[in-house]
Protein backbone atom coordinates (compact mmCIF):
# COMPACT_ATOMS: atom_id res chain seq x y z
CA MET A 1 -20.43 -82.16 -11.32
CA ALA A 2 -17.69 -80.76 -8.92
CA LEU A 3 -15.24 -77.86 -9.69
CA TYR A 4 -11.88 -77.13 -8.87
CA LEU A 5 -10.47 -73.52 -8.95
CA LEU A 6 -6.77 -73.11 -10.06
CA TYR A 7 -5.24 -70.39 -8.78
CA GLU A 8 -1.82 -68.97 -10.02
CA HIS A 9 -0.38 -66.64 -7.05
CA ALA A 10 3.26 -65.21 -7.05
CA ALA A 11 3.91 -67.36 -3.62
CA GLY A 12 2.75 -70.73 -5.41
CA TYR A 13 0.08 -73.07 -6.91
CA ALA A 14 -3.40 -72.94 -5.12
CA LEU A 15 -6.34 -75.56 -5.80
CA LEU A 16 -9.72 -74.69 -4.71
CA HIS A 17 -13.01 -76.69 -4.44
CA HIS A 18 -16.34 -75.23 -5.10
CA GLN A 19 -18.89 -76.38 -3.05
CA GLY A 20 -21.98 -74.19 -3.95
CA LEU A 21 -24.72 -74.81 -6.87
CA ASP A 22 -23.68 -75.65 -10.40
CA GLU A 23 -23.47 -73.04 -12.95
CA ILE A 24 -26.66 -73.41 -14.39
CA GLY A 25 -28.21 -72.80 -10.84
CA GLN A 26 -25.84 -69.47 -10.46
CA SER A 27 -26.14 -66.12 -11.92
CA ILE A 28 -23.51 -64.24 -12.91
CA GLU A 29 -24.30 -61.34 -10.55
CA ALA A 30 -25.68 -63.43 -7.47
CA VAL A 31 -21.89 -64.85 -7.89
CA ARG A 32 -20.53 -61.16 -7.74
CA ASN A 33 -22.51 -60.19 -4.91
CA SER A 34 -21.21 -63.19 -2.81
CA VAL A 35 -17.61 -62.79 -3.96
CA SER A 36 -17.77 -59.07 -1.56
CA ASP A 37 -18.68 -60.80 1.37
CA LEU A 38 -16.00 -63.38 2.73
CA ASN A 39 -18.64 -65.17 4.99
CA ARG A 40 -20.40 -66.28 2.13
CA PHE A 41 -18.01 -66.76 -0.21
CA GLY A 42 -15.78 -69.35 2.43
CA LYS A 43 -19.08 -71.47 2.30
CA VAL A 44 -18.84 -71.89 -1.35
CA VAL A 45 -14.80 -71.87 -1.78
CA GLU A 46 -12.49 -73.80 0.32
CA LEU A 47 -8.92 -74.49 0.08
CA THR A 48 -7.76 -78.19 -1.22
CA ALA A 49 -4.10 -77.72 -1.44
CA PHE A 50 -1.33 -75.34 -1.81
CA GLN A 51 1.92 -75.21 -3.50
CA PRO A 52 4.67 -72.98 -2.46
CA PHE A 53 7.51 -72.06 -5.05
CA GLU A 54 10.99 -72.80 -4.27
CA SER A 55 12.88 -69.71 -5.41
CA THR A 56 12.11 -66.59 -7.01
CA VAL A 57 13.59 -67.85 -10.05
CA ASP A 58 11.28 -70.50 -9.69
CA ALA A 59 8.47 -68.07 -9.51
CA LEU A 60 9.51 -66.19 -12.57
CA ASN A 61 9.90 -69.66 -14.83
CA GLN A 62 6.34 -70.62 -13.98
CA SER A 63 4.93 -67.41 -14.33
CA ASN A 64 6.74 -67.49 -17.67
CA SER A 65 5.37 -70.74 -18.72
CA ILE A 66 1.69 -69.76 -17.82
CA SER A 67 1.76 -66.58 -19.81
CA GLU A 68 2.74 -68.81 -22.67
CA GLY A 69 0.14 -71.28 -22.00
CA LEU A 70 2.24 -74.00 -20.89
CA MET A 71 2.13 -76.63 -18.33
CA THR A 72 5.35 -77.46 -16.38
CA ASP A 73 6.00 -80.56 -14.69
CA GLU A 74 5.39 -78.84 -11.28
CA LEU A 75 2.25 -77.88 -12.30
CA ARG A 76 1.46 -81.48 -13.52
CA SER A 77 2.42 -83.53 -10.43
CA PHE A 78 0.72 -80.71 -8.53
CA LEU A 79 -2.76 -81.37 -10.16
CA GLU A 80 -2.24 -85.29 -10.50
CA LEU A 81 -1.36 -85.49 -6.39
CA ASN A 82 -4.27 -83.43 -5.35
CA LEU A 83 -7.26 -83.62 -8.41
CA PRO A 84 -9.37 -87.44 -8.36
CA LYS A 85 -8.05 -89.25 -11.07
CA VAL A 86 -9.04 -89.54 -14.85
CA LYS A 87 -9.91 -93.04 -16.09
CA GLU A 88 -9.63 -94.13 -19.55
CA GLY A 89 -13.05 -94.39 -21.12
CA LYS A 90 -15.01 -93.34 -18.53
CA LYS A 91 -16.46 -89.31 -18.47
CA PRO A 92 -14.71 -87.56 -15.58
CA LYS A 93 -17.19 -86.44 -12.82
CA PHE A 94 -15.42 -82.89 -11.95
CA SER A 95 -13.46 -79.99 -13.94
CA LEU A 96 -10.79 -77.61 -13.63
CA GLY A 97 -11.57 -73.74 -13.60
CA LEU A 98 -9.07 -71.73 -15.11
CA SER A 99 -7.95 -68.26 -16.04
CA GLU A 100 -5.85 -68.75 -19.12
CA PRO A 101 -8.02 -70.71 -21.86
CA LYS A 102 -4.31 -71.44 -23.45
CA LEU A 103 -3.07 -73.16 -20.19
CA GLY A 104 -6.15 -75.21 -19.93
CA SER A 105 -6.26 -76.47 -23.79
CA ASN A 106 -2.67 -77.89 -22.72
CA ILE A 107 -3.61 -79.16 -19.48
CA PHE A 108 -6.42 -81.33 -21.37
CA GLU A 109 -4.17 -82.57 -23.94
CA SER A 110 -1.27 -83.96 -21.48
CA THR A 111 -3.13 -84.86 -18.85
CA LYS A 112 -6.96 -85.38 -20.16
CA ILE A 113 -8.27 -83.38 -17.09
CA PRO A 114 -11.63 -81.34 -18.18
CA CYS A 115 -10.72 -77.47 -18.17
CA GLN A 116 -13.03 -74.81 -18.65
CA SER A 117 -12.82 -70.76 -18.32
CA ASN A 118 -16.10 -68.60 -18.51
CA GLU A 119 -17.36 -65.60 -16.84
CA PHE A 120 -18.95 -67.96 -13.66
CA VAL A 121 -14.94 -69.20 -13.21
CA LEU A 122 -13.45 -65.78 -13.73
CA GLU A 123 -16.02 -64.39 -10.60
CA LEU A 124 -14.97 -67.37 -8.66
CA ILE A 125 -11.27 -66.51 -9.34
CA ARG A 126 -11.79 -62.94 -8.57
CA GLY A 127 -12.81 -63.72 -5.28
CA VAL A 128 -9.95 -66.25 -4.37
CA ARG A 129 -7.79 -63.28 -5.51
CA LEU A 130 -9.60 -60.90 -2.98
CA HIS A 131 -9.48 -63.21 0.13
CA PHE A 132 -6.39 -65.35 -0.63
CA ASP A 133 -4.66 -64.40 2.36
CA ARG A 134 -7.97 -65.82 4.62
CA PHE A 135 -7.15 -69.21 3.07
CA ILE A 136 -3.79 -69.62 3.79
CA LYS A 137 -3.21 -69.65 7.41
CA ASP A 138 0.28 -68.91 9.29
CA LEU A 139 0.99 -66.11 7.15
CA LYS A 140 2.75 -62.86 8.18
CA PRO A 141 1.36 -59.30 7.23
CA GLY A 142 3.18 -58.21 4.05
CA ASP A 143 4.86 -61.84 2.77
CA LEU A 144 2.12 -61.86 -0.23
CA ASP A 145 2.77 -58.15 -1.03
CA LYS A 146 6.80 -58.68 -1.05
CA ALA A 147 5.93 -61.65 -3.15
CA GLN A 148 4.04 -60.04 -5.73
CA LEU A 149 6.38 -56.96 -6.20
CA GLY A 150 9.49 -59.37 -6.38
CA LEU A 151 7.88 -61.52 -8.95
CA ALA A 152 6.66 -58.41 -10.90
CA HIS A 153 10.06 -57.07 -11.20
CA SER A 154 11.68 -59.88 -12.16
CA TYR A 155 8.98 -60.82 -14.75
CA SER A 156 8.81 -57.62 -16.33
CA ARG A 157 12.70 -57.55 -16.23
CA ALA A 158 12.73 -60.94 -18.19
CA LYS A 159 10.24 -59.38 -20.15
CA VAL A 160 12.23 -56.51 -21.32
CA LYS A 161 15.70 -58.72 -22.13
CA PHE A 162 15.88 -59.12 -25.85
CA ASN A 163 18.40 -58.82 -28.49
CA VAL A 164 20.30 -56.04 -28.07
CA ASN A 165 21.39 -55.52 -31.90
CA ARG A 166 17.74 -55.39 -32.69
CA VAL A 167 16.28 -52.81 -30.10
CA ASP A 168 14.11 -50.62 -32.51
CA ASN A 169 12.95 -48.60 -29.47
CA MET A 170 16.66 -46.98 -30.03
CA VAL A 171 15.64 -46.10 -33.87
CA ILE A 172 12.48 -44.93 -32.34
CA GLN A 173 13.97 -42.33 -30.16
CA ALA A 174 16.63 -41.53 -32.44
CA ILE A 175 14.21 -40.28 -35.27
CA PHE A 176 12.66 -38.22 -32.41
CA LEU A 177 15.54 -36.43 -31.76
CA LEU A 178 16.49 -36.18 -35.47
CA ASP A 179 13.23 -34.31 -36.04
CA THR A 180 13.14 -32.23 -33.18
CA LEU A 181 16.93 -31.14 -33.53
CA ASP A 182 16.33 -30.40 -37.20
CA LYS A 183 13.62 -27.56 -35.98
CA ASP A 184 15.96 -26.76 -33.23
CA ILE A 185 19.00 -26.24 -35.65
CA ASN A 186 16.48 -24.23 -38.00
CA SER A 187 15.27 -21.93 -35.34
CA PHE A 188 18.98 -20.95 -33.71
CA SER A 189 19.98 -20.47 -37.39
CA MET A 190 17.72 -18.13 -37.95
CA ARG A 191 18.53 -16.47 -34.67
CA VAL A 192 22.15 -16.04 -35.57
CA ARG A 193 21.30 -14.23 -38.75
CA GLU A 194 19.02 -11.89 -36.93
CA TRP A 195 21.37 -11.51 -34.33
CA TYR A 196 24.42 -11.01 -36.35
CA SER A 197 22.71 -9.00 -39.22
CA TRP A 198 22.55 -5.96 -36.82
CA HIS A 199 26.50 -5.85 -37.22
CA PHE A 200 27.02 -7.24 -40.58
CA PRO A 201 23.74 -7.39 -42.59
CA GLU A 202 25.53 -8.30 -46.15
CA LEU A 203 26.48 -11.31 -45.10
CA VAL A 204 23.17 -12.88 -45.12
CA LYS A 205 23.13 -12.58 -48.93
CA ILE A 206 26.69 -13.92 -49.72
CA VAL A 207 26.23 -17.09 -47.65
CA ASN A 208 23.14 -18.80 -47.47
CA ASP A 209 23.97 -21.86 -45.49
CA ASN A 210 22.90 -22.09 -42.04
CA TYR A 211 25.99 -24.00 -40.85
CA LEU A 212 28.68 -21.89 -43.25
CA TYR A 213 26.98 -18.76 -41.74
CA ALA A 214 27.51 -19.84 -38.25
CA ARG A 215 31.13 -21.00 -38.86
CA VAL A 216 31.63 -17.59 -40.64
CA THR A 217 30.01 -15.65 -37.74
CA LYS A 218 32.44 -17.18 -35.37
CA PHE A 219 35.62 -16.85 -37.45
CA ILE A 220 35.13 -12.93 -38.33
CA GLU A 221 33.50 -11.61 -34.91
CA ASP A 222 34.33 -8.31 -35.27
CA LYS A 223 34.06 -6.79 -39.22
CA SER A 224 36.29 -3.89 -39.07
CA LYS A 225 39.03 -6.50 -38.09
CA LEU A 226 38.45 -8.27 -41.48
CA CYS A 227 41.00 -7.79 -43.85
CA GLU A 228 42.54 -9.13 -46.94
CA ASP A 229 45.31 -11.26 -45.22
CA GLN A 230 42.22 -13.42 -43.62
CA VAL A 231 40.87 -14.67 -47.33
CA PRO A 232 42.94 -17.93 -47.20
CA ALA A 233 41.31 -18.36 -43.84
CA LEU A 234 37.88 -17.76 -45.11
CA THR A 235 38.42 -19.75 -48.65
CA ASP A 236 38.96 -22.87 -46.40
CA ILE A 237 35.38 -22.43 -44.57
CA VAL A 238 33.58 -21.25 -47.48
CA GLY A 239 35.06 -23.40 -50.09
CA ASP A 240 35.10 -20.70 -52.63
CA GLU A 241 37.90 -18.00 -52.99
CA ASP A 242 35.81 -15.69 -55.28
CA LYS A 243 33.09 -15.61 -52.42
CA ALA A 244 35.68 -14.90 -49.68
CA ASN A 245 36.89 -11.63 -51.54
CA GLU A 246 33.19 -10.90 -51.71
CA ILE A 247 32.92 -11.11 -47.99
CA VAL A 248 36.22 -9.01 -47.29
CA LYS A 249 34.85 -6.25 -49.78
CA ALA A 250 31.30 -6.17 -48.38
CA ALA A 251 32.96 -5.80 -44.63
CA LYS A 252 34.67 -2.72 -45.62
CA ALA A 253 31.47 -0.86 -47.16
CA SER A 254 29.11 -2.39 -44.55
CA MET A 255 26.24 -0.39 -43.86
CA GLY A 256 25.43 -2.18 -40.22
CA GLN A 257 26.13 -0.90 -36.49
CA ASP A 258 28.90 -1.47 -33.77
CA LEU A 259 28.87 -4.20 -31.27
CA SER A 260 30.26 -3.92 -27.71
CA PRO A 261 32.69 -6.67 -27.19
CA ILE A 262 30.65 -8.45 -24.77
CA ASP A 263 27.54 -8.70 -27.69
CA LEU A 264 30.25 -10.29 -29.84
CA ILE A 265 30.92 -12.89 -27.25
CA ASN A 266 27.63 -13.52 -27.10
CA VAL A 267 27.17 -13.74 -30.88
CA HIS A 268 30.34 -16.33 -30.46
CA GLN A 269 29.19 -18.65 -28.31
CA PHE A 270 25.71 -18.87 -29.64
CA ALA A 271 27.42 -19.72 -33.13
CA GLN A 272 29.40 -22.23 -31.68
CA ARG A 273 26.36 -23.90 -29.86
CA VAL A 274 24.47 -23.90 -33.41
CA MET A 275 27.87 -25.76 -35.13
CA ASP A 276 27.57 -28.09 -32.27
CA LEU A 277 24.36 -29.17 -32.42
CA SER A 278 24.58 -29.34 -36.08
CA ASP A 279 27.94 -31.49 -35.68
CA TYR A 280 25.61 -33.70 -33.44
CA ARG A 281 22.79 -33.84 -35.45
CA ARG A 282 25.29 -35.50 -38.42
CA ASN A 283 26.67 -37.80 -35.57
CA LEU A 284 23.11 -38.62 -34.63
CA TYR A 285 22.08 -39.58 -38.28
CA ASP A 286 25.21 -41.81 -38.53
CA TYR A 287 24.01 -43.59 -35.71
CA LEU A 288 20.62 -44.22 -36.82
CA VAL A 289 21.72 -45.58 -40.43
CA THR A 290 23.88 -48.11 -38.35
CA LYS A 291 21.24 -49.14 -35.96
CA MET A 292 18.49 -49.47 -39.41
CA ASN A 293 21.10 -51.31 -41.35
CA ASP A 294 21.09 -53.78 -37.86
CA ILE A 295 17.30 -53.53 -37.08
CA ALA A 296 15.62 -53.45 -40.40
CA PRO A 297 18.16 -54.03 -43.37
CA ASN A 298 15.88 -54.84 -46.11
CA LEU A 299 13.47 -51.98 -45.28
CA ALA A 300 16.50 -49.20 -45.35
CA SER A 301 17.63 -50.50 -48.18
CA LEU A 302 14.34 -50.17 -49.77
CA ILE A 303 12.96 -46.70 -48.75
CA GLY A 304 15.91 -45.43 -46.69
CA GLU A 305 16.99 -45.14 -43.57
CA VAL A 306 14.90 -42.06 -42.56
CA VAL A 307 11.93 -42.99 -43.86
CA GLY A 308 11.94 -46.42 -42.48
CA ALA A 309 13.01 -45.36 -39.31
CA ARG A 310 9.51 -43.05 -39.35
CA LEU A 311 7.49 -45.84 -40.22
CA ILE A 312 8.51 -47.58 -37.34
CA SER A 313 8.22 -44.99 -35.11
CA HIS A 314 5.09 -44.28 -36.16
CA ALA A 315 3.80 -47.86 -36.05
CA GLY A 316 5.18 -48.05 -32.65
CA SER A 317 7.68 -50.84 -33.32
CA LEU A 318 9.09 -53.37 -36.04
CA THR A 319 6.59 -56.10 -34.87
CA ASN A 320 3.27 -53.50 -35.27
CA LEU A 321 4.80 -52.43 -38.82
CA ALA A 322 5.48 -55.78 -39.85
CA LYS A 323 1.45 -56.52 -38.65
CA CYS A 324 0.00 -53.82 -40.42
CA PRO A 325 -1.39 -54.67 -43.99
CA SER A 326 0.32 -52.78 -46.64
CA SER A 327 -3.10 -50.54 -47.18
CA THR A 328 -2.61 -49.09 -43.59
CA LEU A 329 1.09 -48.73 -44.21
CA GLN A 330 0.55 -46.57 -47.34
CA ILE A 331 -1.31 -44.00 -45.18
CA LEU A 332 0.47 -44.16 -42.12
CA GLY A 333 1.07 -40.92 -40.92
CA ALA A 334 -2.13 -39.69 -42.75
CA GLU A 335 -4.88 -40.46 -40.40
CA LYS A 336 -6.39 -36.78 -40.08
CA ALA A 337 -7.29 -36.68 -43.79
CA LEU A 338 -8.07 -40.31 -43.70
CA PHE A 339 -10.86 -39.39 -41.21
CA ARG A 340 -11.47 -36.48 -42.52
CA ALA A 341 -12.20 -37.72 -45.78
CA LEU A 342 -14.63 -40.43 -44.33
CA LYS A 343 -16.59 -37.80 -42.26
CA THR A 344 -16.82 -35.64 -45.19
CA LYS A 345 -17.16 -38.41 -47.89
CA GLY A 346 -14.47 -37.06 -50.06
CA ASN A 347 -11.58 -38.63 -51.46
CA THR A 348 -9.28 -40.63 -49.21
CA PRO A 349 -5.41 -39.96 -49.30
CA LYS A 350 -3.23 -41.85 -51.53
CA TYR A 351 -0.25 -41.81 -49.24
CA GLY A 352 1.39 -40.96 -45.70
CA LEU A 353 5.05 -41.02 -44.32
CA ILE A 354 5.91 -42.96 -47.76
CA PHE A 355 5.43 -39.69 -49.72
CA HIS A 356 8.86 -38.80 -48.68
CA SER A 357 10.06 -41.63 -50.42
CA SER A 358 12.35 -40.43 -54.09
CA PHE A 359 10.32 -43.37 -55.82
CA ILE A 360 6.95 -41.37 -55.19
CA GLY A 361 9.10 -37.75 -56.51
CA ARG A 362 9.98 -39.59 -59.41
CA ALA A 363 6.39 -40.80 -60.64
CA SER A 364 4.32 -38.69 -62.78
CA ALA A 365 1.31 -36.85 -61.23
CA ARG A 366 -0.94 -39.61 -62.70
CA ASN A 367 0.56 -42.64 -61.56
CA LYS A 368 1.92 -41.15 -57.87
CA GLY A 369 -1.33 -43.30 -56.55
CA ARG A 370 -0.19 -46.69 -58.37
CA MET A 371 3.22 -46.01 -57.08
CA ALA A 372 2.52 -45.68 -53.47
CA ARG A 373 0.32 -48.69 -53.69
CA TYR A 374 3.18 -50.47 -54.99
CA LEU A 375 5.74 -49.44 -52.85
CA ALA A 376 3.50 -50.15 -49.47
CA ASN A 377 3.33 -53.47 -50.69
CA LYS A 378 6.88 -53.71 -51.00
CA CYS A 379 7.76 -52.62 -47.84
CA SER A 380 4.95 -54.66 -46.03
CA ILE A 381 6.87 -57.58 -47.35
CA ALA A 382 10.50 -56.07 -46.21
CA SER A 383 9.35 -55.34 -42.53
CA ARG A 384 8.14 -58.85 -42.40
CA ILE A 385 11.35 -60.29 -43.44
CA ASP A 386 13.03 -58.28 -40.79
CA CYS A 387 10.81 -59.06 -37.99
CA PHE A 388 10.83 -62.34 -38.57
CA ALA A 389 14.30 -63.75 -40.34
CA ASP A 390 16.80 -65.20 -38.05
CA THR A 391 19.64 -63.89 -39.98
CA SER A 392 19.77 -60.09 -41.09
CA THR A 393 20.67 -59.59 -44.96
CA THR A 394 19.79 -56.77 -47.22
CA THR A 395 19.45 -59.17 -50.20
CA PHE A 396 16.05 -59.30 -50.49
CA GLY A 397 15.88 -55.46 -49.80
CA GLU A 398 17.82 -54.87 -52.77
CA LYS A 399 15.52 -57.12 -55.14
CA LEU A 400 12.63 -55.42 -54.21
CA ARG A 401 14.34 -51.72 -54.90
CA GLU A 402 14.98 -53.44 -58.36
CA GLN A 403 11.23 -54.36 -58.81
CA VAL A 404 10.11 -50.69 -57.87
CA GLU A 405 12.55 -49.58 -60.44
CA GLU A 406 11.25 -51.86 -62.91
CA ARG A 407 7.69 -50.97 -62.00
CA LEU A 408 8.93 -47.06 -62.34
CA ASP A 409 9.98 -47.53 -66.12
CA PHE A 410 7.18 -50.00 -66.84
CA TYR A 411 4.88 -46.76 -65.98
CA ASP A 412 7.58 -44.36 -67.86
CA LYS A 413 8.81 -46.37 -70.81
CA GLY A 414 6.46 -49.68 -70.94
CA VAL A 415 8.95 -52.05 -69.85
CA ALA A 416 7.53 -55.00 -68.80
CA PRO A 417 8.91 -56.04 -65.09
CA ARG A 418 9.99 -59.12 -63.59
CA LYS A 419 7.27 -61.69 -62.01
CA ASN A 420 7.80 -61.36 -58.18
CA ILE A 421 8.38 -65.34 -58.05
CA ASP A 422 11.16 -64.87 -60.12
CA VAL A 423 13.03 -62.15 -58.30
CA MET A 424 12.05 -64.14 -55.05
CA LYS A 425 13.46 -66.71 -56.34
CA ALA A 426 16.82 -65.11 -57.47
CA ALA A 427 16.98 -63.26 -53.78
CA ILE A 428 16.80 -66.78 -51.99
CA GLU A 429 19.52 -68.32 -54.28
CA SER A 430 21.81 -65.30 -54.29
CA ASP A 431 21.30 -65.20 -50.25
CA GLN A 432 22.33 -68.62 -50.08
CA ASN A 433 25.46 -68.58 -52.45
CA LYS A 434 26.44 -65.80 -49.95
CA ASP A 435 26.22 -68.19 -47.27
CA ALA A 436 28.14 -70.64 -49.49
CA ALA A 437 30.79 -68.15 -50.25
CA MET A 438 31.24 -67.52 -46.20
CA ASP A 439 31.46 -70.87 -45.38
CA THR A 440 34.03 -71.63 -48.14
CA ASP A 441 36.15 -68.52 -47.34
CA GLU A 442 36.64 -70.23 -43.71
CA VAL A 443 37.58 -73.56 -44.90
CA PRO A 444 40.51 -72.72 -47.24
CA THR A 445 42.17 -71.10 -44.17
CA ALA A 446 42.67 -74.28 -42.57
CA LYS A 447 43.32 -76.32 -45.54
CA LYS A 448 46.18 -73.92 -46.58
CA SER A 449 47.72 -74.20 -43.10
CA LYS A 450 47.38 -78.16 -43.69
CA LYS A 451 49.10 -77.98 -46.93
CA LYS A 452 51.88 -75.52 -45.50
CA LYS A 453 52.53 -78.34 -42.86
CA SER A 454 52.55 -81.39 -45.50
CA LYS A 455 54.89 -79.50 -47.87
CA SER A 456 57.35 -78.93 -44.82
CA GLU A 457 57.00 -82.50 -44.08
CA ASP A 458 58.06 -83.31 -47.96
CA SER A 459 60.76 -80.94 -48.03
CA GLU A 460 62.32 -82.21 -45.01
CA ALA A 461 62.20 -85.89 -46.41
CA MET A 462 63.20 -84.81 -49.75
CA ALA A 463 66.35 -83.15 -48.17
CA VAL A 464 67.15 -86.24 -46.12
CA ASP A 465 67.01 -88.87 -49.09
CA GLU A 466 68.83 -86.58 -51.79
CA PRO A 467 72.67 -87.18 -51.04
CA ALA A 468 72.06 -91.04 -51.11
CA THR A 469 69.86 -90.96 -54.38
CA ASN A 470 71.59 -88.37 -56.75
CA GLY A 471 73.42 -90.66 -58.51
CA ALA A 472 70.42 -92.82 -59.91
CA ALA A 473 68.25 -90.38 -59.90
CA ASP A 474 70.58 -88.39 -62.67
CA ASP A 475 71.11 -91.81 -64.54
CA SER A 476 67.29 -92.36 -64.45
CA LYS A 477 66.68 -89.15 -65.82
CA SER A 478 69.13 -88.98 -68.97
CA GLU A 479 67.69 -92.27 -69.75
CA LYS A 480 64.33 -91.35 -69.64
CA LYS A 481 65.13 -88.61 -71.88
CA LYS A 482 66.91 -90.72 -74.59
CA LYS A 483 64.09 -92.58 -74.81
CA LYS A 484 61.71 -89.85 -75.27
CA LYS A 485 63.94 -88.29 -78.47
CA ASP A 486 64.11 -91.41 -79.78
CA LYS A 487 60.55 -91.95 -79.99
CA ARG A 488 59.85 -88.89 -81.24
CA LYS A 489 62.49 -89.11 -84.03
CA VAL A 490 60.32 -92.38 -85.21
CA ASP A 491 56.82 -90.49 -85.09
CA ASP A 492 58.03 -87.74 -87.13
CA GLU A 493 59.81 -90.08 -89.80
CA GLU A 494 56.68 -92.04 -90.29
CA GLU A 495 54.46 -88.54 -90.47
CA GLU A 496 56.87 -87.65 -93.34
CA GLN A 497 56.37 -90.78 -95.03
CA VAL A 498 52.47 -90.45 -94.82
CA ASN A 499 52.22 -86.95 -95.79
CA VAL A 500 54.27 -87.50 -99.09
CA GLY A 501 51.38 -87.44 -101.21
CA ASP A 502 48.21 -89.31 -102.02
CA LEU A 503 50.46 -91.53 -104.49
CA GLU A 504 52.51 -92.84 -101.93
CA ASP A 505 49.61 -93.85 -99.77
CA GLY A 506 50.48 -97.48 -100.42
CA THR A 507 54.04 -97.32 -100.04
CA ALA A 508 53.68 -95.96 -96.43
CA LYS A 509 51.37 -98.24 -95.28
CA LYS A 510 53.75 -101.10 -96.65
CA LYS A 511 56.68 -99.32 -94.94
CA LYS A 512 54.67 -99.29 -91.45
CA LYS A 513 53.99 -102.89 -91.97
CA LYS A 514 57.30 -103.60 -92.74
CA SER A 515 58.44 -101.62 -89.51
CA LYS A 516 55.90 -103.81 -87.40
CA SER A 517 57.50 -107.22 -88.72
CA VAL A 518 61.03 -105.96 -88.19
CA ASP A 519 60.23 -105.16 -84.52
CA GLY A 520 58.26 -108.69 -84.12
CA GLU A 521 61.50 -110.48 -85.50
CA ASP A 522 63.72 -108.45 -83.02
CA LEU A 523 61.54 -109.49 -80.47
CA VAL A 524 61.69 -113.20 -81.09
CA ALA A 525 65.38 -112.99 -81.78
CA ALA A 526 65.78 -111.57 -78.07
CA SER A 527 63.60 -114.05 -76.72
CA ASP A 528 65.38 -116.97 -77.93
CA ALA A 529 68.57 -115.60 -76.42
CA LYS A 530 67.05 -115.20 -73.28
CA LYS A 531 66.09 -118.93 -73.47
CA LYS A 532 69.15 -120.35 -74.44
CA LYS A 533 71.28 -118.12 -71.45
CA LYS A 534 68.77 -119.76 -69.02
CA LYS A 535 69.64 -123.03 -70.36
CA LYS A 536 72.91 -122.65 -70.46
CA SER A 537 72.73 -121.46 -66.16
CA LYS A 538 70.61 -124.68 -65.25
CA GLY A 539 73.24 -126.89 -67.17
CA GLY A 540 76.19 -125.47 -64.96
CA ASP A 541 74.49 -125.75 -61.86
CA GLU A 542 74.17 -129.39 -62.44
């Protein structure tokens, strides 16, 4: 059976024919030895056809389709032109060797060309890749290298291009920087405390917060210049008037040494740097919260923005976190303890990074492991929804958080929680209702504008018709009012007659019948009068 090799290069598609022995007669070691020698390899493989790509854009599209295992129209036409035709009902006498098995299955489904991808074929393709510049003639030195470099840049650039709003790499960098800033701010704040304590040691016991200490240090500078006139300004910084008065009293009786103006300037600048870092840390936290609500809203609403960002950064990406089973997510961050327990045959850890969640802290000591397992299960569901859902919503995360709260109540009070199926159905319904509400909010705006236009047109038409029809309209309205009053009087009289008492029921019925008969006689008399008038009018015409 003849063997053809398809080689995808950055410059184009190449089809080569293998003329050596069959796969059964060749060993892998013999093929490897023959690949390195061009004289031996050139006798076994020869070039059949080569189709260059039209442009770099075309090369990028072809390489993207090959990486996804799809056959393009250009590749199909190239294969059908240069390979023997496959007759229906007969077994083909050739096969096509490929390096991508997915692409081979796609080619076989659409063209019925038999494809194979094994070690023998891969070794032959490796030899083609090694000596490809010798197979194609009229090539300038460096042409293939330029084509490979250009395609590599465009291919990697296209792979990096994805939704800007869902870039989980920004969350990973932000949480790393946030942890680093926490450590740096703590160490710098301790340095400010130690440095300024030489001048004002009593301030450390009065002001405990690091950020407030830096602000007070910047405000006071020299303790000898601090007086009672500065108490309101100190109160604004500290937030407590008693504490501000205590600082002023401590400054008057302080045991610290005096510092030179240059030293005070350095302390002042360093305190300002610590304050700037704290402000930047606050802004970075706000940025992390917004990014987490864009990338993983359900995970953030379930377990919190910081813990969710730590899980994503430790897994490497949101996709990797979504692929993790809940048992792996439960101990994510406790790998050292896990492997130490496996090595020493001890107890494995119950939780990793999810220990920082408030749910684990609220659970009792005997239920912490159960709570960690349940929370990891819900985090796994939330991460998968965030990763693979088309639209971002916090509905599922809120419902999953309610389930965790119910599980806590179940462990503490014994209240039975809802089933997962019922909760998910409720979440889907609420999400659909939100979408419907959004659609209905958009529709009334258009309807209101249409109604306003129609009302304005009607008012204009009424304004035009009013002068001509005012008199007739007034007459018709007065007649209608009179008729309504007459009807009401008759109804009231009949009700009074009926409600006199049980003894007078018969008389009331008779009166009703009489009134009906009287009405009938009046109608007959009126019809006779009309007939007589018609006869008279006819006689006059004759």
